[in-house]
Amino acid sequence: MPRRPEAGRRRLSAVIFDVDGVLVDSPHERAWREALAGFADPADFTTAFYQAHVAGKPRLEGARAALEALGDSEAGAHAAAYAERKQAVIDRLIAQGRFDAFPDAIRLTVALRAAALRTVLASSSKNVNAMLARVTLPDGGTLPSLFDADVSGRDVPRGKPDPALFLLAAGTLAVPPGECLVVEDAPAGIAAARAGGMASLGIARLGDEALLRAAGADLVLTSLDQLDVAALGRGTLRARAADGSLDR
């Protein structure tokens, strides 16, 4: 496993982005909840439950983890059917355009390009490309056009919290793992970044700062506008103060 550098200043050459909950307010959580009827009580599938057991994991792993956590003694046997039903729901929601891109994420991506930092999309979901292609930028381009590479939905030996997908992302850019920053909203993704020897930024859009810190995030923010991009280019991961000055 790659050795994770000590905290503090480090060379950072690339930023790896998860998609769901980071770039896009996607309908994944809603799809998982709707599809649960007949397997377990959808009322038990809260946002906190989704973040703790499903977010960031490949489809089948997420289905099995959810059913196990909800007490299904035959979770392994039911997982494929649950995952298939969830896929049908999310296909419908994506076709209906039931999602939005986060403006702060778009601003950050543009700022990172201006700072000559490379960027790559790395979501476990195989649905993200269909969503991102529907996000139109002010110049008429699509959101994926802001990134140097995309490994979303690629088949890897193990899903998060294993670092395989993030290591694939780093390799695609030919950047050492220790020079990568991962932007994630899920504890499993933060754990994957740490396991891969990468720095991690947790974006807590759901009031789950404590959960991301407990997972080991190097920095937790509630908006990506809070990230000090200039400092990042110099190898320092930190936030900006509320008034825009450096948060020392």
C-alpha atoms as a PDB file:
ATOM      1  CA  MET A   1       0.000   0.000   0.000  1.00  0.00           C
ATOM      2  CA  PRO A   2       1.396   3.477  -0.832  1.00  0.00           C
ATOM      3  CA  ARG A   3       2.960   5.308   2.083  1.00  0.00           C
ATOM      4  CA  ARG A   4       1.031   8.390   3.111  1.00  0.00           C
ATOM      5  CA  PRO A   5       3.259  11.480   3.583  1.00  0.00           C
ATOM      6  CA  GLU A   6       3.213  13.322   6.882  1.00  0.00           C
ATOM      7  CA  ALA A   7       0.685  16.118   7.291  1.00  0.00           C
ATOM      8  CA  GLY A   8       1.792  19.647   6.464  1.00  0.00           C
ATOM      9  CA  ARG A   9       3.265  21.045   3.297  1.00  0.00           C
ATOM     10  CA  ARG A  10       3.523  18.553   0.449  1.00  0.00           C
ATOM     11  CA  ARG A  11       3.720  18.754  -3.306  1.00  0.00           C
ATOM     12  CA  LEU A  12       0.214  18.567  -4.805  1.00  0.00           C
ATOM     13  CA  SER A  13      -0.074  18.137  -8.559  1.00  0.00           C
ATOM     14  CA  ALA A  14      -3.571  16.737  -9.073  1.00  0.00           C
ATOM     15  CA  VAL A  15      -7.045  16.780  -7.552  1.00  0.00           C
ATOM     16  CA  ILE A  16      -9.282  13.710  -7.735  1.00  0.00           C
ATOM     17  CA  PHE A  17     -13.017  14.381  -7.513  1.00  0.00           C
ATOM     18  CA  ASP A  18     -15.766  12.078  -6.433  1.00  0.00           C
ATOM     19  CA  VAL A  19     -19.007  13.124  -8.149  1.00  0.00           C
ATOM     20  CA  ASP A  20     -22.131  12.318  -6.138  1.00  0.00           C
ATOM     21  CA  GLY A  21     -22.469  14.892  -3.380  1.00  0.00           C
ATOM     22  CA  VAL A  22     -19.274  16.673  -4.444  1.00  0.00           C
ATOM     23  CA  LEU A  23     -19.913  17.949  -7.969  1.00  0.00           C
ATOM     24  CA  VAL A  24     -23.560  17.022  -8.393  1.00  0.00           C
ATOM     25  CA  ASP A  25     -26.538  16.897  -6.063  1.00  0.00           C
ATOM     26  CA  SER A  26     -27.439  13.554  -7.549  1.00  0.00           C
ATOM     27  CA  PRO A  27     -30.587  11.452  -7.057  1.00  0.00           C
ATOM     28  CA  HIS A  28     -28.650   8.405  -5.857  1.00  0.00           C
ATOM     29  CA  GLU A  29     -29.824   8.584  -2.259  1.00  0.00           C
ATOM     30  CA  ARG A  30     -33.435   9.021  -3.378  1.00  0.00           C
ATOM     31  CA  ALA A  31     -33.142   6.106  -5.810  1.00  0.00           C
ATOM     32  CA  TRP A  32     -31.747   3.775  -3.160  1.00  0.00           C
ATOM     33  CA  ARG A  33     -34.531   4.783  -0.772  1.00  0.00           C
ATOM     34  CA  GLU A  34     -37.357   4.350  -3.295  1.00  0.00           C
ATOM     35  CA  ALA A  35     -36.025   0.974  -4.416  1.00  0.00           C
ATOM     36  CA  LEU A  36     -35.956  -0.329  -0.856  1.00  0.00           C
ATOM     37  CA  ALA A  37     -39.722  -0.913  -0.661  1.00  0.00           C
ATOM     38  CA  GLY A  38     -40.344  -4.639  -0.374  1.00  0.00           C
ATOM     39  CA  PHE A  39     -36.892  -5.297   1.066  1.00  0.00           C
ATOM     40  CA  ALA A  40     -37.010  -3.085   4.172  1.00  0.00           C
ATOM     41  CA  ASP A  41     -38.700   0.052   5.477  1.00  0.00           C
ATOM     42  CA  PRO A  42     -37.616   3.046   3.324  1.00  0.00           C
ATOM     43  CA  ALA A  43     -38.181   5.312   6.334  1.00  0.00           C
ATOM     44  CA  ASP A  44     -35.075   3.793   7.917  1.00  0.00           C
ATOM     45  CA  PHE A  45     -32.968   4.830   4.926  1.00  0.00           C
ATOM     46  CA  THR A  46     -32.029   8.298   6.176  1.00  0.00           C
ATOM     47  CA  THR A  47     -29.351  10.586   4.780  1.00  0.00           C
ATOM     48  CA  ALA A  48     -27.063   9.607   7.656  1.00  0.00           C
ATOM     49  CA  PHE A  49     -27.673   5.929   6.868  1.00  0.00           C
ATOM     50  CA  TYR A  50     -26.868   6.502   3.192  1.00  0.00           C
ATOM     51  CA  GLN A  51     -23.627   8.291   4.018  1.00  0.00           C
ATOM     52  CA  ALA A  52     -22.543   5.652   6.511  1.00  0.00           C
ATOM     53  CA  HIS A  53     -23.393   2.490   4.581  1.00  0.00           C
ATOM     54  CA  VAL A  54     -23.853   3.161   0.862  1.00  0.00           C
ATOM     55  CA  ALA A  55     -22.241   6.378  -0.388  1.00  0.00           C
ATOM     56  CA  GLY A  56     -19.060   5.854  -2.369  1.00  0.00           C
ATOM     57  CA  LYS A  57     -19.462   2.101  -2.796  1.00  0.00           C
ATOM     58  CA  PRO A  58     -20.040   0.206  -6.055  1.00  0.00           C
ATOM     59  CA  ARG A  59     -23.685  -0.637  -6.712  1.00  0.00           C
ATOM     60  CA  LEU A  60     -23.786  -4.270  -5.585  1.00  0.00           C
ATOM     61  CA  GLU A  61     -21.600  -3.634  -2.541  1.00  0.00           C
ATOM     62  CA  GLY A  62     -23.805  -0.711  -1.538  1.00  0.00           C
ATOM     63  CA  ALA A  63     -26.962  -2.793  -1.908  1.00  0.00           C
ATOM     64  CA  ARG A  64     -25.580  -5.597   0.224  1.00  0.00           C
ATOM     65  CA  ALA A  65     -24.230  -3.211   2.874  1.00  0.00           C
ATOM     66  CA  ALA A  66     -27.578  -1.418   3.140  1.00  0.00           C
ATOM     67  CA  LEU A  67     -29.600  -4.601   3.490  1.00  0.00           C
ATOM     68  CA  GLU A  68     -27.195  -6.039   6.051  1.00  0.00           C
ATOM     69  CA  ALA A  69     -27.338  -2.848   8.118  1.00  0.00           C
ATOM     70  CA  LEU A  70     -31.141  -2.944   7.965  1.00  0.00           C
ATOM     71  CA  GLY A  71     -31.171  -6.463   9.376  1.00  0.00           C
ATOM     72  CA  ASP A  72     -31.871  -8.518   6.254  1.00  0.00           C
ATOM     73  CA  SER A  73     -30.590 -11.999   7.107  1.00  0.00           C
ATOM     74  CA  GLU A  74     -30.526 -12.827   3.384  1.00  0.00           C
ATOM     75  CA  ALA A  75     -28.832  -9.629   2.245  1.00  0.00           C
ATOM     76  CA  GLY A  76     -26.435 -11.488  -0.034  1.00  0.00           C
ATOM     77  CA  ALA A  77     -29.288 -13.186  -1.868  1.00  0.00           C
ATOM     78  CA  HIS A  78     -31.377 -10.009  -2.173  1.00  0.00           C
ATOM     79  CA  ALA A  79     -28.624  -7.533  -3.048  1.00  0.00           C
ATOM     80  CA  ALA A  80     -28.667  -8.038  -6.828  1.00  0.00           C
ATOM     81  CA  ALA A  81     -32.432  -7.529  -7.079  1.00  0.00           C
ATOM     82  CA  TYR A  82     -32.262  -4.430  -4.883  1.00  0.00           C
ATOM     83  CA  ALA A  83     -29.407  -3.004  -6.951  1.00  0.00           C
ATOM     84  CA  GLU A  84     -31.283  -3.691 -10.193  1.00  0.00           C
ATOM     85  CA  ARG A  85     -34.404  -1.949  -8.922  1.00  0.00           C
ATOM     86  CA  LYS A  86     -32.340   1.013  -7.749  1.00  0.00           C
ATOM     87  CA  GLN A  87     -30.788   1.277 -11.213  1.00  0.00           C
ATOM     88  CA  ALA A  88     -34.214   1.449 -12.851  1.00  0.00           C
ATOM     89  CA  VAL A  89     -35.219   4.248 -10.484  1.00  0.00           C
ATOM     90  CA  ILE A  90     -32.083   6.292 -11.035  1.00  0.00           C
ATOM     91  CA  ASP A  91     -32.277   5.907 -14.811  1.00  0.00           C
ATOM     92  CA  ARG A  92     -35.731   7.472 -14.625  1.00  0.00           C
ATOM     93  CA  LEU A  93     -34.611  10.289 -12.328  1.00  0.00           C
ATOM     94  CA  ILE A  94     -31.610  11.124 -14.523  1.00  0.00           C
ATOM     95  CA  ALA A  95     -33.786  11.159 -17.649  1.00  0.00           C
ATOM     96  CA  GLN A  96     -36.113  13.568 -15.841  1.00  0.00           C
ATOM     97  CA  GLY A  97     -33.180  15.824 -14.936  1.00  0.00           C
ATOM     98  CA  ARG A  98     -33.744  15.448 -11.189  1.00  0.00           C
ATOM     99  CA  PHE A  99     -30.303  16.729 -10.194  1.00  0.00           C
ATOM    100  CA  ASP A 100     -28.176  19.876 -10.179  1.00  0.00           C
ATOM    101  CA  ALA A 101     -24.477  20.675 -10.263  1.00  0.00           C
ATOM    102  CA  PHE A 102     -23.090  22.470  -7.219  1.00  0.00           C
ATOM    103  CA  PRO A 103     -21.959  25.989  -8.261  1.00  0.00           C
ATOM    104  CA  ASP A 104     -19.084  25.995  -5.756  1.00  0.00           C
ATOM    105  CA  ALA A 105     -17.723  22.799  -7.315  1.00  0.00           C
ATOM    106  CA  ILE A 106     -17.734  24.325 -10.789  1.00  0.00           C
ATOM    107  CA  ARG A 107     -15.973  27.428  -9.479  1.00  0.00           C
ATOM    108  CA  LEU A 108     -13.337  25.297  -7.758  1.00  0.00           C
ATOM    109  CA  THR A 109     -12.684  23.230 -10.870  1.00  0.00           C
ATOM    110  CA  VAL A 110     -12.173  26.377 -12.947  1.00  0.00           C
ATOM    111  CA  ALA A 111      -9.834  27.805 -10.285  1.00  0.00           C
ATOM    112  CA  LEU A 112      -7.787  24.604 -10.153  1.00  0.00           C
ATOM    113  CA  ARG A 113      -7.264  24.685 -13.910  1.00  0.00           C
ATOM    114  CA  ALA A 114      -6.154  28.308 -13.661  1.00  0.00           C
ATOM    115  CA  ALA A 115      -3.665  27.243 -10.972  1.00  0.00           C
ATOM    116  CA  ALA A 116      -2.252  24.562 -13.321  1.00  0.00           C
ATOM    117  CA  LEU A 117      -3.444  21.710 -11.102  1.00  0.00           C
ATOM    118  CA  ARG A 118      -4.675  18.673 -13.002  1.00  0.00           C
ATOM    119  CA  THR A 119      -8.088  17.205 -12.260  1.00  0.00           C
ATOM    120  CA  VAL A 120      -9.736  13.818 -12.713  1.00  0.00           C
ATOM    121  CA  LEU A 121     -13.229  12.445 -12.095  1.00  0.00           C
ATOM    122  CA  ALA A 122     -13.319   9.249 -10.035  1.00  0.00           C
ATOM    123  CA  SER A 123     -16.746   8.040  -8.966  1.00  0.00           C
ATOM    124  CA  SER A 124     -17.631   4.433  -8.233  1.00  0.00           C
ATOM    125  CA  SER A 125     -20.968   4.980  -9.959  1.00  0.00           C
ATOM    126  CA  LYS A 126     -21.527   3.959 -13.554  1.00  0.00           C
ATOM    127  CA  ASN A 127     -24.296   6.574 -13.812  1.00  0.00           C
ATOM    128  CA  VAL A 128     -22.268   9.739 -13.436  1.00  0.00           C
ATOM    129  CA  ASN A 129     -21.377  10.254 -17.082  1.00  0.00           C
ATOM    130  CA  ALA A 130     -25.066  10.328 -18.012  1.00  0.00           C
ATOM    131  CA  MET A 131     -25.616  13.005 -15.372  1.00  0.00           C
ATOM    132  CA  LEU A 132     -22.544  15.108 -16.096  1.00  0.00           C
ATOM    133  CA  ALA A 133     -23.248  15.179 -19.820  1.00  0.00           C
ATOM    134  CA  ARG A 134     -26.517  16.960 -19.011  1.00  0.00           C
ATOM    135  CA  VAL A 135     -24.818  19.757 -17.041  1.00  0.00           C
ATOM    136  CA  THR A 136     -24.287  22.716 -19.373  1.00  0.00           C
ATOM    137  CA  LEU A 137     -21.728  25.381 -18.485  1.00  0.00           C
ATOM    138  CA  PRO A 138     -22.169  29.101 -19.258  1.00  0.00           C
ATOM    139  CA  ASP A 139     -19.850  28.763 -22.271  1.00  0.00           C
ATOM    140  CA  GLY A 140     -21.959  25.919 -23.660  1.00  0.00           C
ATOM    141  CA  GLY A 141     -19.528  23.183 -22.666  1.00  0.00           C
ATOM    142  CA  THR A 142     -20.262  20.248 -20.398  1.00  0.00           C
ATOM    143  CA  LEU A 143     -18.897  19.643 -16.923  1.00  0.00           C
ATOM    144  CA  PRO A 144     -16.539  16.787 -17.946  1.00  0.00           C
ATOM    145  CA  SER A 145     -14.768  19.211 -20.302  1.00  0.00           C
ATOM    146  CA  LEU A 146     -13.256  20.911 -17.241  1.00  0.00           C
ATOM    147  CA  PHE A 147     -11.372  17.752 -16.256  1.00  0.00           C
ATOM    148  CA  ASP A 148      -8.199  16.201 -17.627  1.00  0.00           C
ATOM    149  CA  ALA A 149      -9.415  12.617 -17.239  1.00  0.00           C
ATOM    150  CA  ASP A 150     -12.333  10.481 -16.080  1.00  0.00           C
ATOM    151  CA  VAL A 151     -12.144   6.997 -14.547  1.00  0.00           C
ATOM    152  CA  SER A 152     -15.682   6.950 -13.158  1.00  0.00           C
ATOM    153  CA  GLY A 153     -17.439   3.615 -13.230  1.00  0.00           C
ATOM    154  CA  ARG A 154     -14.304   1.702 -14.165  1.00  0.00           C
ATOM    155  CA  ASP A 155     -14.124  -1.866 -12.959  1.00  0.00           C
ATOM    156  CA  VAL A 156     -11.565  -2.189 -10.177  1.00  0.00           C
ATOM    157  CA  PRO A 157     -10.820  -5.227  -7.970  1.00  0.00           C
ATOM    158  CA  ARG A 158     -12.413  -3.663  -4.876  1.00  0.00           C
ATOM    159  CA  GLY A 159     -14.570  -0.640  -4.170  1.00  0.00           C
ATOM    160  CA  LYS A 160     -14.076   2.079  -1.568  1.00  0.00           C
ATOM    161  CA  PRO A 161     -12.738   2.125   1.101  1.00  0.00           C
ATOM    162  CA  ASP A 162     -10.132   0.265  -0.958  1.00  0.00           C
ATOM    163  CA  PRO A 163      -8.030   2.877  -2.841  1.00  0.00           C
ATOM    164  CA  ALA A 164      -8.035   1.035  -6.196  1.00  0.00           C
ATOM    165  CA  LEU A 165     -10.170   3.597  -8.062  1.00  0.00           C
ATOM    166  CA  PHE A 166      -8.173   6.560  -6.764  1.00  0.00           C
ATOM    167  CA  LEU A 167      -4.884   4.845  -7.573  1.00  0.00           C
ATOM    168  CA  LEU A 168      -6.211   4.262 -11.092  1.00  0.00           C
ATOM    169  CA  ALA A 169      -7.059   7.965 -11.317  1.00  0.00           C
ATOM    170  CA  ALA A 170      -3.561   8.973 -10.228  1.00  0.00           C
ATOM    171  CA  GLY A 171      -2.007   6.519 -12.666  1.00  0.00           C
ATOM    172  CA  THR A 172      -4.124   7.851 -15.523  1.00  0.00           C
ATOM    173  CA  LEU A 173      -2.563  11.272 -14.955  1.00  0.00           C
ATOM    174  CA  ALA A 174       0.880   9.751 -14.283  1.00  0.00           C
ATOM    175  CA  VAL A 175       0.939  11.557 -10.932  1.00  0.00           C
ATOM    176  CA  PRO A 176       2.304   9.844  -7.784  1.00  0.00           C
ATOM    177  CA  PRO A 177      -0.438   9.111  -5.219  1.00  0.00           C
ATOM    178  CA  GLY A 178       1.331  11.246  -2.636  1.00  0.00           C
ATOM    179  CA  GLU A 179       0.877  14.291  -4.883  1.00  0.00           C
ATOM    180  CA  CYS A 180      -2.900  13.854  -5.130  1.00  0.00           C
ATOM    181  CA  LEU A 181      -5.726  15.473  -3.189  1.00  0.00           C
ATOM    182  CA  VAL A 182      -9.050  13.613  -3.097  1.00  0.00           C
ATOM    183  CA  VAL A 183     -12.286  15.592  -2.698  1.00  0.00           C
ATOM    184  CA  GLU A 184     -14.964  13.393  -1.136  1.00  0.00           C
ATOM    185  CA  ASP A 185     -18.255  13.621   0.730  1.00  0.00           C
ATOM    186  CA  ALA A 186     -18.378  10.059   2.086  1.00  0.00           C
ATOM    187  CA  PRO A 187     -16.391   8.401   4.884  1.00  0.00           C
ATOM    188  CA  ALA A 188     -15.624   5.428   2.617  1.00  0.00           C
ATOM    189  CA  GLY A 189     -14.025   7.784   0.104  1.00  0.00           C
ATOM    190  CA  ILE A 190     -11.956   9.538   2.759  1.00  0.00           C
ATOM    191  CA  ALA A 191     -10.755   6.151   3.996  1.00  0.00           C
ATOM    192  CA  ALA A 192      -9.852   5.176   0.426  1.00  0.00           C
ATOM    193  CA  ALA A 193      -7.799   8.343  -0.026  1.00  0.00           C
ATOM    194  CA  ARG A 194      -5.886   7.685   3.179  1.00  0.00           C
ATOM    195  CA  ALA A 195      -5.285   4.062   2.227  1.00  0.00           C
ATOM    196  CA  GLY A 196      -3.897   5.238  -1.102  1.00  0.00           C
ATOM    197  CA  GLY A 197      -1.428   7.648   0.497  1.00  0.00           C
ATOM    198  CA  MET A 198      -3.326  10.723  -0.692  1.00  0.00           C
ATOM    199  CA  ALA A 199      -4.417  13.924   1.003  1.00  0.00           C
ATOM    200  CA  SER A 200      -8.162  14.230   1.529  1.00  0.00           C
ATOM    201  CA  LEU A 201     -10.672  17.070   1.612  1.00  0.00           C
ATOM    202  CA  GLY A 202     -14.092  16.267   3.048  1.00  0.00           C
ATOM    203  CA  ILE A 203     -16.995  18.365   1.789  1.00  0.00           C
ATOM    204  CA  ALA A 204     -19.725  18.344   4.436  1.00  0.00           C
ATOM    205  CA  ARG A 205     -22.833  19.524   2.627  1.00  0.00           C
ATOM    206  CA  LEU A 206     -25.117  17.580   4.978  1.00  0.00           C
ATOM    207  CA  GLY A 207     -23.877  18.763   8.353  1.00  0.00           C
ATOM    208  CA  ASP A 208     -21.706  15.662   8.659  1.00  0.00           C
ATOM    209  CA  GLU A 209     -18.402  17.324   9.494  1.00  0.00           C
ATOM    210  CA  ALA A 210     -17.796  15.038  12.483  1.00  0.00           C
ATOM    211  CA  LEU A 211     -18.321  11.924  10.385  1.00  0.00           C
ATOM    212  CA  LEU A 212     -15.749  13.046   7.810  1.00  0.00           C
ATOM    213  CA  ARG A 213     -13.227  14.071  10.462  1.00  0.00           C
ATOM    214  CA  ALA A 214     -13.651  10.707  12.163  1.00  0.00           C
ATOM    215  CA  ALA A 215     -12.888   9.030   8.831  1.00  0.00           C
ATOM    216  CA  GLY A 216      -9.568  10.903   8.775  1.00  0.00           C
ATOM    217  CA  ALA A 217     -10.099  13.820   6.391  1.00  0.00           C
ATOM    218  CA  ASP A 218      -7.143  16.227   6.386  1.00  0.00           C
ATOM    219  CA  LEU A 219      -9.509  19.182   5.979  1.00  0.00           C
ATOM    220  CA  VAL A 220     -13.299  19.430   6.213  1.00  0.00           C
ATOM    221  CA  LEU A 221     -15.231  22.293   4.608  1.00  0.00           C
ATOM    222  CA  THR A 222     -18.913  23.075   4.227  1.00  0.00           C
ATOM    223  CA  SER A 223     -18.383  24.816   0.876  1.00  0.00           C
ATOM    224  CA  LEU A 224     -15.696  24.311  -1.745  1.00  0.00           C
ATOM    225  CA  ASP A 225     -15.483  28.102  -2.028  1.00  0.00           C
ATOM    226  CA  GLN A 226     -13.694  27.959   1.340  1.00  0.00           C
ATOM    227  CA  LEU A 227     -10.640  26.190  -0.086  1.00  0.00           C
ATOM    228  CA  ASP A 228      -7.509  28.313  -0.441  1.00  0.00           C
ATOM    229  CA  VAL A 229      -6.527  27.371  -3.999  1.00  0.00           C
ATOM    230  CA  ALA A 230      -3.442  29.591  -4.046  1.00  0.00           C
ATOM    231  CA  ALA A 231      -2.062  27.846  -0.959  1.00  0.00           C
ATOM    232  CA  LEU A 232      -2.926  24.466  -2.461  1.00  0.00           C
ATOM    233  CA  GLY A 233      -0.699  25.240  -5.423  1.00  0.00           C
ATOM    234  CA  ARG A 234       2.140  25.786  -2.953  1.00  0.00           C
ATOM    235  CA  GLY A 235       1.486  22.452  -1.266  1.00  0.00           C
ATOM    236  CA  THR A 236      -0.584  23.636   1.694  1.00  0.00           C
ATOM    237  CA  LEU A 237      -4.113  22.351   2.250  1.00  0.00           C
ATOM    238  CA  ARG A 238      -6.111  24.920   4.193  1.00  0.00           C
ATOM    239  CA  ALA A 239      -9.289  26.965   4.250  1.00  0.00           C
ATOM    240  CA  ARG A 240      -9.808  30.639   3.751  1.00  0.00           C
ATOM    241  CA  ALA A 241     -11.298  32.737   6.522  1.00  0.00           C
ATOM    242  CA  ALA A 242     -14.918  33.827   6.200  1.00  0.00           C
ATOM    243  CA  ASP A 243     -13.843  37.304   5.071  1.00  0.00           C
ATOM    244  CA  GLY A 244     -11.704  35.826   2.275  1.00  0.00           C
ATOM    245  CA  SER A 245      -8.364  36.316   4.034  1.00  0.00           C
ATOM    246  CA  LEU A 246      -6.116  33.384   4.805  1.00  0.00           C
ATOM    247  CA  ASP A 247      -7.261  31.213   7.683  1.00  0.00           C
ATOM    248  CA  ARG A 248      -4.052  30.747   9.637  1.00  0.00           C
END
